[in-house]
């Protein structure tokens, strides 16, 4: 959650966020961590947003999220309603 917050606040790069997110999710999953409820929904939404992001800008295709578009989508997900 700290990585998610740091990225939404602009204190880490999109590449650092994406790398760190995938690493943290793999580690949590391999350790048997499971979520439910609103937290699970948020994590699923972040996963879906990251599916549209390519770390290497040279490999991005039309329709892939840019770094700034990724940050905006994540900010929207974590913004209080």
C-alpha atoms as a PDB file:
ATOM      1  CA  UNK A   1       0.000   0.000   0.000  1.00  0.00           C
ATOM      2  CA  UNK A   2       2.906   2.366   0.640  1.00  0.00           C
ATOM      3  CA  UNK A   3       4.094   1.917  -2.950  1.00  0.00           C
ATOM      4  CA  UNK A   4       0.606   2.643  -4.252  1.00  0.00           C
ATOM      5  CA  UNK A   5       0.416   5.787  -2.146  1.00  0.00           C
ATOM      6  CA  UNK A   6       3.915   6.930  -3.131  1.00  0.00           C
ATOM      7  CA  UNK A   7       3.132   6.580  -6.813  1.00  0.00           C
ATOM      8  CA  UNK A   8      -0.214   8.366  -6.530  1.00  0.00           C
ATOM      9  CA  UNK A   9       1.525  11.221  -4.679  1.00  0.00           C
ATOM     10  CA  UNK A  10       4.260  11.444  -7.309  1.00  0.00           C
ATOM     11  CA  UNK A  11       7.169  10.353  -5.138  1.00  0.00           C
ATOM     12  CA  UNK A  12       8.140   7.356  -7.272  1.00  0.00           C
ATOM     13  CA  UNK A  13       8.345   6.828 -11.016  1.00  0.00           C
ATOM     14  CA  UNK A  14       5.939   4.800 -13.103  1.00  0.00           C
ATOM     15  CA  UNK A  15       8.661   2.242 -13.827  1.00  0.00           C
ATOM     16  CA  UNK A  16       9.536   1.903 -10.129  1.00  0.00           C
ATOM     17  CA  UNK A  17       5.859   1.542  -9.286  1.00  0.00           C
ATOM     18  CA  UNK A  18       5.186  -1.117 -11.918  1.00  0.00           C
ATOM     19  CA  UNK A  19       8.316  -3.106 -11.060  1.00  0.00           C
ATOM     20  CA  UNK A  20       7.688  -2.846  -7.344  1.00  0.00           C
ATOM     21  CA  UNK A  21       3.997  -3.672  -7.681  1.00  0.00           C
ATOM     22  CA  UNK A  22       4.567  -6.890  -9.613  1.00  0.00           C
ATOM     23  CA  UNK A  23       7.355  -7.940  -7.247  1.00  0.00           C
ATOM     24  CA  UNK A  24       5.246  -7.251  -4.146  1.00  0.00           C
ATOM     25  CA  UNK A  25       2.187  -9.030  -5.548  1.00  0.00           C
ATOM     26  CA  UNK A  26       4.237 -12.121  -6.498  1.00  0.00           C
ATOM     27  CA  UNK A  27       5.823 -12.210  -3.044  1.00  0.00           C
ATOM     28  CA  UNK A  28       2.470 -11.793  -1.290  1.00  0.00           C
ATOM     29  CA  UNK A  29       0.886 -14.496  -3.400  1.00  0.00           C
ATOM     30  CA  UNK A  30       3.745 -16.938  -2.862  1.00  0.00           C
ATOM     31  CA  UNK A  31       3.495 -16.338   0.899  1.00  0.00           C
ATOM     32  CA  UNK A  32      -0.171 -17.236   0.808  1.00  0.00           C
ATOM     33  CA  UNK A  33      -1.503 -13.756   1.479  1.00  0.00           C
ATOM     34  CA  UNK A  34      -5.091 -13.262   0.377  1.00  0.00           C
ATOM     35  CA  UNK A  35      -7.299 -10.194   0.448  1.00  0.00           C
ATOM     36  CA  UNK A  36     -11.031  -9.680   0.408  1.00  0.00           C
ATOM     37  CA  UNK A  37     -13.593  -6.918   0.289  1.00  0.00           C
ATOM     38  CA  UNK A  38     -12.696  -3.375  -0.665  1.00  0.00           C
ATOM     39  CA  UNK A  39      -8.945  -4.029  -0.521  1.00  0.00           C
ATOM     40  CA  UNK A  40      -9.224  -6.953  -2.909  1.00  0.00           C
ATOM     41  CA  UNK A  41     -11.307  -4.797  -5.259  1.00  0.00           C
ATOM     42  CA  UNK A  42      -8.685  -2.035  -5.201  1.00  0.00           C
ATOM     43  CA  UNK A  43      -5.831  -4.463  -5.853  1.00  0.00           C
ATOM     44  CA  UNK A  44      -7.764  -6.017  -8.743  1.00  0.00           C
ATOM     45  CA  UNK A  45      -8.346  -2.578 -10.267  1.00  0.00           C
ATOM     46  CA  UNK A  46      -4.657  -1.699  -9.968  1.00  0.00           C
ATOM     47  CA  UNK A  47      -3.808  -5.005 -11.648  1.00  0.00           C
ATOM     48  CA  UNK A  48      -6.175  -4.195 -14.523  1.00  0.00           C
ATOM     49  CA  UNK A  49      -4.676  -0.729 -14.986  1.00  0.00           C
ATOM     50  CA  UNK A  50      -1.147  -2.151 -15.020  1.00  0.00           C
ATOM     51  CA  UNK A  51      -2.180  -4.604 -17.740  1.00  0.00           C
ATOM     52  CA  UNK A  52      -2.444  -1.561 -20.047  1.00  0.00           C
ATOM     53  CA  UNK A  53       1.028  -0.273 -19.178  1.00  0.00           C
ATOM     54  CA  UNK A  54       4.312  -1.336 -20.768  1.00  0.00           C
ATOM     55  CA  UNK A  55       7.466  -0.585 -18.781  1.00  0.00           C
ATOM     56  CA  UNK A  56       9.715  -0.050 -21.792  1.00  0.00           C
ATOM     57  CA  UNK A  57       8.586   3.055 -23.703  1.00  0.00           C
ATOM     58  CA  UNK A  58      10.130   1.680 -26.898  1.00  0.00           C
ATOM     59  CA  UNK A  59       7.825  -1.341 -26.723  1.00  0.00           C
ATOM     60  CA  UNK A  60       4.625   0.629 -26.125  1.00  0.00           C
ATOM     61  CA  UNK A  61       1.917   0.276 -28.684  1.00  0.00           C
ATOM     62  CA  UNK A  62      -0.923   2.647 -29.481  1.00  0.00           C
ATOM     63  CA  UNK A  63      -3.424   2.454 -26.660  1.00  0.00           C
ATOM     64  CA  UNK A  64      -0.860   1.524 -23.990  1.00  0.00           C
ATOM     65  CA  UNK A  65      -0.776   3.871 -21.028  1.00  0.00           C
ATOM     66  CA  UNK A  66       1.981   6.451 -20.772  1.00  0.00           C
ATOM     67  CA  UNK A  67       3.674   7.112 -17.440  1.00  0.00           C
ATOM     68  CA  UNK A  68       1.481  10.140 -16.789  1.00  0.00           C
ATOM     69  CA  UNK A  69      -1.714   8.324 -17.818  1.00  0.00           C
ATOM     70  CA  UNK A  70      -0.818   5.472 -15.476  1.00  0.00           C
ATOM     71  CA  UNK A  71      -0.350   7.922 -12.596  1.00  0.00           C
ATOM     72  CA  UNK A  72      -3.696   9.584 -13.330  1.00  0.00           C
ATOM     73  CA  UNK A  73      -5.523   6.265 -13.372  1.00  0.00           C
ATOM     74  CA  UNK A  74      -3.917   5.202 -10.103  1.00  0.00           C
ATOM     75  CA  UNK A  75      -4.704   8.565  -8.506  1.00  0.00           C
ATOM     76  CA  UNK A  76      -8.308   8.107  -9.546  1.00  0.00           C
ATOM     77  CA  UNK A  77      -8.393   4.658  -7.914  1.00  0.00           C
ATOM     78  CA  UNK A  78      -6.964   5.781  -4.596  1.00  0.00           C
ATOM     79  CA  UNK A  79      -8.757   9.144  -4.376  1.00  0.00           C
ATOM     80  CA  UNK A  80     -11.209   9.308  -1.514  1.00  0.00           C
ATOM     81  CA  UNK A  81     -14.810   9.292  -2.635  1.00  0.00           C
END
